[in-house]
Amino acid sequence: MKMRKGWICLLALAMMLASCAMARNTFMGQSSDEYGAEMAPPMAEAPAMAFEKAFAEEAAVESAEYDTSTENGTNRIVIKNASLSLVVEDPIESMQNIVKMAERAGGFTVSSNSYKTTTSTGIEVPVAYITVRVPVEKLDETINEIKALVKDQRLDILNEEVSGQDVTSEVNDLESRLRNLQAAEEQLLEIMEDADTTEDVITIFQELTRIREDIEVIQGQIKYYRESASLSAISVNLQAKEAVEPITIGGWKPGLQAQKALQVLVEYGQYLINALIWLAIFVIPFLALIFLPIYLIVRFIRKRRAGKDIKKTQQKKE
């Protein structure tokens, strides 16, 4: 029986090492051979002890790489991103300059794309789109450098947006779940020491494998949040000046004035539509809730009085 238990433990250990190596490749990008060599127990150890040690070493490695302790409870984890739409002389050259800016700031290029489009006057002009990531502390500085690519910031910056997403509660929740799973893993390793039957060994192995998968999924989510918070994304849309150049007549730019007038019209139209939406969804139902009961009560009283008047009239006739 002991010999049979030893062979089953060795088989379970091999299965465990393979599954752990595959899961670790998904998050860490490490080869199965390297991971297996790192986690392989000494041949002189007993199979059950090697099984426990493999899980314990795996937990220790992951805990060291994903330390969930917080230096300051008031620290917030905020993902800050920015988007810009600019009009430049040469979109392709400006895109290359943005790549250099990101590298100088300690960041990198996520994606870049350039293509050509045709204006209403039949002119073929280039358009470029690029997304870079820079350290969050360099975000404002890099945005200012990118905006310096245009000649007139009042006219050539078509859109600028900086957004922030506070994910502190999400990370705290994930870290709490991670601690609970790690505690459960430690308890299962302790229970493994008292496992007497083959069925107990297999059951505990399956539960440990499931918990290890959940732990690594949560660790991957925490890593994503923290990396996104430390590296801000900047998306820039670059248009050629010829594509949006207004018509100029003796220094007068009627096209620009028409654009401003259209913008004002759109803004006032938005205000009007917003007012109608509030009126239809909030104001009218709110007034109905207040005045409808009053109207029904008044109507009931009037009908009652009218009925009494009719009875009195009939009585007088009789």
Protein backbone atom coordinates (compact mmCIF):
# COMPACT_ATOMS: atom_id res chain seq x y z
CA MET A 1 0.00 0.00 0.00
CA LYS A 2 2.82 2.41 0.85
CA MET A 3 4.55 1.64 -2.46
CA ARG A 4 1.30 2.30 -4.33
CA LYS A 5 0.80 5.58 -2.47
CA GLY A 6 4.34 6.66 -3.34
CA TRP A 7 3.83 6.05 -7.06
CA ILE A 8 0.50 7.95 -7.04
CA CYS A 9 2.14 10.89 -5.24
CA LEU A 10 4.90 10.97 -7.85
CA LEU A 11 2.29 10.99 -10.63
CA ALA A 12 0.34 13.78 -8.90
CA LEU A 13 3.56 15.76 -8.48
CA ALA A 14 4.33 15.52 -12.19
CA MET A 15 0.82 16.65 -13.10
CA MET A 16 1.04 19.55 -10.64
CA LEU A 17 4.38 20.76 -12.00
CA ALA A 18 3.08 20.68 -15.57
CA SER A 19 -0.11 22.62 -14.74
CA CYS A 20 1.77 25.20 -12.66
CA ALA A 21 4.31 25.70 -15.45
CA MET A 22 1.56 26.24 -18.03
CA ALA A 23 -0.26 28.75 -15.81
CA ARG A 24 2.96 30.58 -15.03
CA ASN A 25 3.78 30.86 -18.76
CA THR A 26 0.49 32.70 -19.29
CA PHE A 27 1.37 35.47 -16.79
CA MET A 28 5.15 35.49 -16.59
CA GLY A 29 6.28 34.52 -20.10
CA GLN A 30 8.67 31.89 -18.65
CA SER A 31 9.42 28.63 -20.49
CA SER A 32 8.18 25.31 -19.12
CA ASP A 33 11.71 23.90 -18.98
CA GLU A 34 13.01 26.80 -16.89
CA TYR A 35 10.05 26.66 -14.52
CA GLY A 36 10.24 22.91 -14.15
CA ALA A 37 13.98 23.08 -13.40
CA GLU A 38 13.39 25.80 -10.84
CA MET A 39 10.65 23.87 -9.03
CA ALA A 40 12.05 20.31 -9.34
CA PRO A 41 12.44 18.78 -5.83
CA PRO A 42 15.53 16.81 -4.79
CA MET A 43 15.29 13.14 -5.73
CA ALA A 44 16.15 12.08 -2.19
CA GLU A 45 12.98 13.59 -0.70
CA ALA A 46 9.86 11.57 -0.09
CA PRO A 47 7.11 12.02 -2.74
CA ALA A 48 4.54 13.52 -0.34
CA MET A 49 7.11 15.98 1.07
CA ALA A 50 8.20 16.96 -2.45
CA PHE A 51 4.55 17.53 -3.38
CA GLU A 52 4.06 19.90 -0.44
CA LYS A 53 7.37 21.67 -1.03
CA ALA A 54 6.56 22.32 -4.69
CA PHE A 55 3.35 24.16 -3.80
CA ALA A 56 5.05 26.00 -0.92
CA GLU A 57 7.90 27.21 -3.16
CA GLU A 58 5.40 28.28 -5.84
CA ALA A 59 3.43 30.30 -3.27
CA ALA A 60 6.61 31.89 -1.93
CA VAL A 61 7.78 32.92 -5.41
CA GLU A 62 4.41 34.43 -6.33
CA SER A 63 4.08 36.23 -2.99
CA ALA A 64 7.49 37.81 -3.48
CA GLU A 65 6.67 38.92 -7.03
CA TYR A 66 3.22 40.25 -6.12
CA ASP A 67 3.61 41.88 -2.75
CA THR A 68 0.12 43.01 -1.72
CA SER A 69 1.24 45.12 1.22
CA THR A 70 0.39 48.84 1.07
CA GLU A 71 2.97 51.40 2.07
CA ASN A 72 0.38 54.06 2.71
CA GLY A 73 -3.30 53.34 3.15
CA THR A 74 -4.22 56.73 1.66
CA ASN A 75 -2.41 56.10 -1.65
CA ARG A 76 -4.80 56.08 -4.59
CA ILE A 77 -4.35 53.98 -7.71
CA VAL A 78 -5.51 56.12 -10.63
CA ILE A 79 -5.25 55.24 -14.33
CA LYS A 80 -4.68 58.50 -16.24
CA ASN A 81 -4.95 58.63 -20.03
CA ALA A 82 -5.00 61.47 -22.56
CA SER A 83 -6.15 62.01 -26.13
CA LEU A 84 -5.27 64.85 -28.51
CA SER A 85 -6.36 65.87 -32.00
CA LEU A 86 -3.88 68.22 -33.68
CA VAL A 87 -3.42 70.02 -36.99
CA VAL A 88 0.24 69.99 -38.07
CA GLU A 89 2.30 70.74 -41.16
CA ASP A 90 3.57 67.17 -41.60
CA PRO A 91 1.67 64.40 -39.73
CA ILE A 92 4.30 61.73 -40.49
CA GLU A 93 7.18 63.83 -39.16
CA SER A 94 5.13 64.81 -36.11
CA MET A 95 4.38 61.15 -35.42
CA GLN A 96 8.09 60.33 -35.48
CA ASN A 97 8.76 63.23 -33.10
CA ILE A 98 6.14 61.88 -30.68
CA VAL A 99 7.88 58.49 -30.72
CA LYS A 100 11.14 60.20 -29.69
CA MET A 101 9.35 62.21 -26.99
CA ALA A 102 7.92 59.03 -25.46
CA GLU A 103 11.31 57.32 -25.48
CA ARG A 104 12.98 60.33 -23.84
CA ALA A 105 10.32 60.25 -21.13
CA GLY A 106 11.05 56.58 -20.45
CA GLY A 107 8.00 55.27 -22.30
CA PHE A 108 7.32 53.39 -25.52
CA THR A 109 5.07 53.32 -28.58
CA VAL A 110 1.97 51.13 -28.34
CA SER A 111 0.73 51.55 -31.91
CA SER A 112 1.08 53.91 -34.87
CA ASN A 113 -0.73 54.22 -38.16
CA SER A 114 -0.55 56.56 -41.14
CA TYR A 115 -2.64 56.79 -44.28
CA LYS A 116 -3.71 59.28 -46.94
CA THR A 117 -7.05 60.94 -47.46
CA THR A 118 -8.48 63.31 -50.06
CA THR A 119 -9.92 66.71 -49.15
CA SER A 120 -13.07 68.25 -50.65
CA THR A 121 -10.83 70.20 -53.06
CA GLY A 122 -9.20 67.02 -54.36
CA ILE A 123 -5.91 67.41 -52.49
CA GLU A 124 -4.34 64.21 -51.13
CA VAL A 125 -3.08 64.73 -47.58
CA PRO A 126 -1.55 62.39 -44.97
CA VAL A 127 -3.17 61.51 -41.66
CA ALA A 128 -1.42 59.80 -38.74
CA TYR A 129 -2.56 58.22 -35.50
CA ILE A 130 -0.27 57.14 -32.67
CA THR A 131 -0.62 55.86 -29.12
CA VAL A 132 2.28 55.97 -26.68
CA ARG A 133 2.72 55.17 -23.00
CA VAL A 134 4.83 57.30 -20.67
CA PRO A 135 5.38 57.27 -16.88
CA VAL A 136 2.46 58.97 -15.18
CA GLU A 137 4.74 61.58 -13.62
CA LYS A 138 5.81 62.58 -17.15
CA LEU A 139 2.27 62.79 -18.55
CA ASP A 140 1.75 66.57 -18.33
CA GLU A 141 5.26 67.31 -19.56
CA THR A 142 4.85 65.02 -22.58
CA ILE A 143 1.43 66.49 -23.41
CA ASN A 144 2.93 69.98 -23.44
CA GLU A 145 5.73 68.80 -25.74
CA ILE A 146 3.22 67.26 -28.13
CA LYS A 147 1.09 70.42 -28.18
CA ALA A 148 4.23 72.40 -29.04
CA LEU A 149 4.24 70.65 -32.43
CA VAL A 150 1.45 72.95 -33.68
CA LYS A 151 1.96 76.53 -34.80
CA ASP A 152 -1.15 78.07 -33.23
CA GLN A 153 -2.45 76.21 -30.19
CA ARG A 154 -5.67 78.24 -30.21
CA LEU A 155 -6.63 77.01 -33.69
CA ASP A 156 -4.60 73.86 -34.32
CA ILE A 157 -5.54 71.93 -31.18
CA LEU A 158 -8.92 70.51 -32.16
CA ASN A 159 -9.42 68.37 -29.09
CA GLU A 160 -7.64 67.71 -25.79
CA GLU A 161 -8.89 65.34 -23.12
CA VAL A 162 -7.27 63.94 -19.98
CA SER A 163 -9.23 61.30 -18.09
CA GLY A 164 -8.63 59.51 -14.81
CA GLN A 165 -10.06 56.25 -13.48
CA ASP A 166 -9.69 55.49 -9.78
CA VAL A 167 -9.23 51.72 -9.42
CA THR A 168 -8.16 51.74 -5.76
CA SER A 169 -11.25 49.87 -4.59
CA GLU A 170 -10.89 47.27 -7.35
CA VAL A 171 -7.24 46.63 -6.47
CA ASN A 172 -8.02 46.47 -2.73
CA ASP A 173 -10.78 43.94 -3.42
CA LEU A 174 -8.47 41.83 -5.58
CA GLU A 175 -5.71 41.94 -2.96
CA SER A 176 -8.18 40.89 -0.26
CA ARG A 177 -9.31 37.94 -2.36
CA LEU A 178 -5.67 37.10 -3.08
CA ARG A 179 -4.81 37.00 0.64
CA ASN A 180 -7.79 34.72 1.31
CA LEU A 181 -6.76 32.34 -1.46
CA GLN A 182 -3.15 32.28 -0.25
CA ALA A 183 -4.35 31.53 3.29
CA ALA A 184 -6.52 28.70 1.95
CA GLU A 185 -3.52 27.37 0.03
CA GLU A 186 -1.41 27.32 3.19
CA GLN A 187 -4.14 25.48 5.08
CA LEU A 188 -4.41 22.85 2.34
CA LEU A 189 -0.65 22.33 2.47
CA GLU A 190 -0.94 21.71 6.20
CA ILE A 191 -3.81 19.27 5.62
CA MET A 192 -1.61 17.49 3.07
CA GLU A 193 0.72 16.46 5.88
CA ASP A 194 -2.06 14.42 7.51
CA ALA A 195 -3.38 12.87 4.28
CA ASP A 196 -3.47 9.08 4.71
CA THR A 197 -5.33 7.76 1.69
CA THR A 198 -4.83 8.04 -2.05
CA GLU A 199 -8.27 9.64 -2.45
CA ASP A 200 -7.30 12.40 0.03
CA VAL A 201 -4.07 13.12 -1.85
CA ILE A 202 -5.86 13.41 -5.22
CA THR A 203 -8.67 15.57 -3.78
CA ILE A 204 -6.26 17.97 -2.11
CA PHE A 205 -4.13 18.12 -5.25
CA GLN A 206 -7.15 19.10 -7.37
CA GLU A 207 -8.19 21.79 -4.89
CA LEU A 208 -4.65 23.18 -4.69
CA THR A 209 -4.45 23.32 -8.49
CA ARG A 210 -7.76 25.22 -8.69
CA ILE A 211 -6.69 27.70 -6.00
CA ARG A 212 -3.30 28.21 -7.70
CA GLU A 213 -5.07 29.06 -10.98
CA ASP A 214 -7.34 31.56 -9.20
CA ILE A 215 -4.33 33.12 -7.46
CA GLU A 216 -2.45 33.65 -10.71
CA VAL A 217 -5.50 35.11 -12.47
CA ILE A 218 -5.95 37.66 -9.67
CA GLN A 219 -2.23 38.43 -9.64
CA GLY A 220 -2.42 39.12 -13.38
CA GLN A 221 -5.33 41.53 -12.85
CA ILE A 222 -3.49 43.37 -10.07
CA LYS A 223 -0.39 43.62 -12.25
CA TYR A 224 -2.46 45.06 -15.12
CA TYR A 225 -4.02 47.73 -12.89
CA ARG A 226 -0.71 48.75 -11.35
CA GLU A 227 1.12 48.90 -14.69
CA SER A 228 -1.73 50.92 -16.24
CA ALA A 229 -1.57 53.34 -13.31
CA SER A 230 2.19 53.75 -13.59
CA LEU A 231 2.20 54.18 -17.40
CA SER A 232 -0.29 56.62 -18.93
CA ALA A 233 -1.53 56.22 -22.51
CA ILE A 234 -1.53 59.23 -24.85
CA SER A 235 -3.45 58.88 -28.12
CA VAL A 236 -2.78 61.54 -30.78
CA ASN A 237 -4.66 62.09 -34.03
CA LEU A 238 -2.57 64.17 -36.48
CA GLN A 239 -4.17 65.93 -39.44
CA ALA A 240 -2.45 67.85 -42.20
CA LYS A 241 -3.02 71.58 -42.27
CA GLU A 242 -4.26 71.41 -45.87
CA ALA A 243 -7.18 69.24 -44.75
CA VAL A 244 -8.62 71.90 -42.42
CA GLU A 245 -7.11 75.11 -43.82
CA PRO A 246 -9.87 77.78 -43.92
CA ILE A 247 -10.44 79.98 -47.00
CA THR A 248 -8.69 83.36 -46.66
CA ILE A 249 -9.80 86.49 -48.51
CA GLY A 250 -7.61 89.54 -47.87
CA GLY A 251 -6.75 88.33 -44.39
CA TRP A 252 -10.40 87.57 -43.65
CA LYS A 253 -11.23 83.92 -42.94
CA PRO A 254 -14.94 83.36 -43.59
CA GLY A 255 -14.51 79.63 -43.29
CA LEU A 256 -13.17 80.01 -39.76
CA GLN A 257 -16.06 82.29 -38.79
CA ALA A 258 -18.52 79.80 -40.25
CA GLN A 259 -16.87 77.05 -38.22
CA LYS A 260 -17.21 79.09 -35.03
CA ALA A 261 -20.84 79.92 -35.80
CA LEU A 262 -21.57 76.25 -36.44
CA GLN A 263 -19.90 75.34 -33.16
CA VAL A 264 -22.07 77.86 -31.27
CA LEU A 265 -25.16 76.51 -33.03
CA VAL A 266 -24.27 72.96 -32.02
CA GLU A 267 -23.66 73.99 -28.41
CA TYR A 268 -27.00 75.82 -28.13
CA GLY A 269 -28.70 72.89 -29.83
CA GLN A 270 -27.21 70.59 -27.20
CA TYR A 271 -28.48 72.85 -24.41
CA LEU A 272 -31.98 72.83 -25.95
CA ILE A 273 -32.02 69.06 -26.39
CA ASN A 274 -30.74 68.53 -22.85
CA ALA A 275 -33.48 70.82 -21.53
CA LEU A 276 -36.15 68.88 -23.44
CA ILE A 277 -34.80 65.58 -22.11
CA TRP A 278 -34.93 66.86 -18.52
CA LEU A 279 -38.42 68.23 -19.13
CA ALA A 280 -39.74 64.95 -20.55
CA ILE A 281 -38.02 62.55 -18.13
CA PHE A 282 -37.92 64.50 -14.86
CA VAL A 283 -39.97 67.71 -14.74
CA ILE A 284 -43.25 66.45 -16.24
CA PRO A 285 -43.38 63.18 -14.22
CA PHE A 286 -42.39 65.08 -11.05
CA LEU A 287 -45.16 67.66 -11.53
CA ALA A 288 -47.60 64.87 -12.36
CA LEU A 289 -46.82 63.10 -9.08
CA ILE A 290 -47.50 66.32 -7.18
CA PHE A 291 -50.55 67.76 -8.98
CA LEU A 292 -52.34 64.61 -10.18
CA PRO A 293 -53.54 63.60 -6.67
CA ILE A 294 -54.65 67.20 -6.05
CA TYR A 295 -56.54 67.24 -9.35
CA LEU A 296 -58.28 63.93 -8.56
CA ILE A 297 -59.28 65.13 -5.10
CA VAL A 298 -60.69 68.42 -6.43
CA ARG A 299 -62.57 66.57 -9.16
CA PHE A 300 -64.02 64.14 -6.62
CA ILE A 301 -65.15 67.01 -4.38
CA ARG A 302 -66.79 68.81 -7.32
CA LYS A 303 -68.64 65.68 -8.42
CA ARG A 304 -69.85 65.11 -4.88
CA ARG A 305 -71.09 68.68 -4.59
CA ALA A 306 -72.77 68.43 -8.00
CA GLY A 307 -74.53 65.27 -6.87
CA LYS A 308 -75.78 66.96 -3.70
CA ASP A 309 -77.04 69.95 -5.71
CA ILE A 310 -78.96 67.62 -8.03
CA LYS A 311 -80.59 65.85 -5.07
CA LYS A 312 -81.60 69.17 -3.49
CA THR A 313 -83.12 70.31 -6.78
CA GLN A 314 -85.10 67.10 -7.10
CA GLN A 315 -86.32 67.37 -3.52
CA LYS A 316 -87.55 70.92 -4.08
CA LYS A 317 -89.48 69.85 -7.18
CA GLU A 318 -91.16 67.10 -5.24
